[in-house]
Amino acid sequence: MPTAYIYLIIAIVFETIGTSALQASQQFSKLGPSVIVVIAYGISFFLLGLSLKTIPVGIAYAIWSALGIVMIACIGWVIFGQTLDVAAVIGLSMIIGGVGVIHLFSNSVSH
């Protein structure tokens, strides 16, 4: 796997950590989770910037958005007890499918 994609995947992981901590910070009223938000987003954007040296911004953002949405939905379901109905699962599957189509068939992505 090219280094740029590794940076992007790690960036997405830190973004989901930051977003999860954002929920836990209760609108920045809890110090610990608030600090995690700032650090995680900082690392995430730094790594996203490194990935953009190779991956086109539109493609990187599509992957970032799709995987971030799915990961946050799963974290919300498992950790915060938020519900996912059938329509949500179908929609999340379509998002992942869309990124797969871009990655597999688009000439915009370097293979």
Protein backbone atom coordinates (compact mmCIF):
# COMPACT_ATOMS: atom_id res chain seq x y z
CA MET A 1 0.00 0.00 0.00
CA PRO A 2 1.43 3.41 -0.92
CA THR A 3 2.56 5.60 1.96
CA ALA A 4 0.02 8.32 1.11
CA TYR A 5 -2.84 5.89 1.70
CA ILE A 6 -1.34 4.80 5.00
CA TYR A 7 -1.18 8.47 6.05
CA LEU A 8 -4.79 8.91 4.95
CA ILE A 9 -6.03 5.87 6.87
CA ILE A 10 -4.22 6.95 10.03
CA ALA A 11 -5.60 10.49 9.55
CA ILE A 12 -9.12 9.06 9.36
CA VAL A 13 -8.55 7.06 12.55
CA PHE A 14 -7.41 10.21 14.39
CA GLU A 15 -10.35 12.16 12.96
CA THR A 16 -12.77 9.57 14.34
CA ILE A 17 -10.98 9.67 17.70
CA GLY A 18 -11.35 13.46 17.69
CA THR A 19 -15.01 13.31 16.75
CA SER A 20 -15.73 10.68 19.40
CA ALA A 21 -13.94 12.83 21.98
CA LEU A 22 -16.00 15.80 20.77
CA GLN A 23 -19.15 13.90 21.73
CA ALA A 24 -17.59 12.94 25.07
CA SER A 25 -16.43 16.52 25.76
CA GLN A 26 -20.07 17.60 26.15
CA GLN A 27 -19.61 20.83 24.17
CA PHE A 28 -16.05 21.33 25.48
CA SER A 29 -17.20 21.34 29.11
CA LYS A 30 -14.92 18.41 30.05
CA LEU A 31 -11.20 19.12 29.86
CA GLY A 32 -9.80 15.64 29.10
CA PRO A 33 -11.95 14.90 26.05
CA SER A 34 -11.54 18.51 24.86
CA VAL A 35 -7.74 18.14 24.85
CA ILE A 36 -8.08 14.86 22.95
CA VAL A 37 -10.24 16.65 20.33
CA VAL A 38 -7.58 19.28 19.65
CA ILE A 39 -4.67 16.82 19.57
CA ALA A 40 -6.48 14.20 17.47
CA TYR A 41 -7.70 16.74 14.91
CA GLY A 42 -4.23 18.29 14.73
CA ILE A 43 -2.61 14.94 14.00
CA SER A 44 -5.39 14.07 11.60
CA PHE A 45 -5.05 17.22 9.50
CA PHE A 46 -1.27 16.97 9.48
CA LEU A 47 -1.46 13.43 8.10
CA LEU A 48 -4.18 14.40 5.64
CA GLY A 49 -1.84 17.11 4.37
CA LEU A 50 0.93 14.55 3.88
CA SER A 51 -1.40 12.28 1.94
CA LEU A 52 -2.38 15.16 -0.36
CA LYS A 53 1.16 15.25 -1.73
CA THR A 54 0.18 12.19 -3.79
CA ILE A 55 -3.59 11.67 -3.65
CA PRO A 56 -5.82 14.22 -5.43
CA VAL A 57 -7.78 16.28 -2.90
CA GLY A 58 -11.20 15.22 -4.24
CA ILE A 59 -10.35 11.55 -3.99
CA ALA A 60 -8.70 11.90 -0.57
CA TYR A 61 -11.69 13.81 0.75
CA ALA A 62 -14.13 11.25 -0.65
CA ILE A 63 -12.27 8.47 1.13
CA TRP A 64 -11.88 10.61 4.27
CA SER A 65 -15.59 11.42 4.37
CA ALA A 66 -16.88 7.95 3.59
CA LEU A 67 -14.69 6.03 6.00
CA GLY A 68 -15.11 8.71 8.66
CA ILE A 69 -18.90 8.57 8.38
CA VAL A 70 -18.97 4.80 8.63
CA MET A 71 -16.49 4.65 11.51
CA ILE A 72 -18.30 7.37 13.48
CA ALA A 73 -21.66 5.66 12.89
CA CYS A 74 -20.20 2.41 14.24
CA ILE A 75 -18.60 4.17 17.22
CA GLY A 76 -21.87 5.98 17.92
CA TRP A 77 -23.69 2.65 17.85
CA VAL A 78 -21.19 0.68 19.98
CA ILE A 79 -19.96 3.31 22.46
CA PHE A 80 -22.73 5.91 22.67
CA GLY A 81 -25.69 3.57 22.18
CA GLN A 82 -27.02 5.40 19.13
CA THR A 83 -29.29 3.37 16.88
CA LEU A 84 -28.73 2.41 13.25
CA ASP A 85 -31.84 1.32 11.42
CA VAL A 86 -31.96 -0.59 8.15
CA ALA A 87 -32.04 2.61 6.07
CA ALA A 88 -28.90 3.87 7.85
CA VAL A 89 -27.05 0.62 7.23
CA ILE A 90 -28.08 0.63 3.56
CA GLY A 91 -26.99 4.26 3.21
CA LEU A 92 -23.63 3.58 4.86
CA SER A 93 -23.13 0.60 2.55
CA MET A 94 -23.83 2.82 -0.45
CA ILE A 95 -21.25 5.35 0.75
CA ILE A 96 -18.60 2.64 1.02
CA GLY A 97 -19.66 1.29 -2.38
CA GLY A 98 -19.26 4.74 -3.90
CA VAL A 99 -15.70 5.04 -2.63
CA GLY A 100 -15.01 1.55 -3.95
CA VAL A 101 -16.28 2.54 -7.40
CA ILE A 102 -14.07 5.65 -7.38
CA HIS A 103 -11.03 3.73 -6.26
CA LEU A 104 -11.49 0.78 -8.61
CA PHE A 105 -12.76 2.44 -11.77
CA SER A 106 -11.85 6.14 -11.75
CA ASN A 107 -8.88 7.41 -13.73
CA SER A 108 -8.51 10.13 -11.08
CA VAL A 109 -6.94 7.67 -8.67
CA SER A 110 -3.36 6.56 -9.12
CA HIS A 111 -3.24 2.77 -8.88
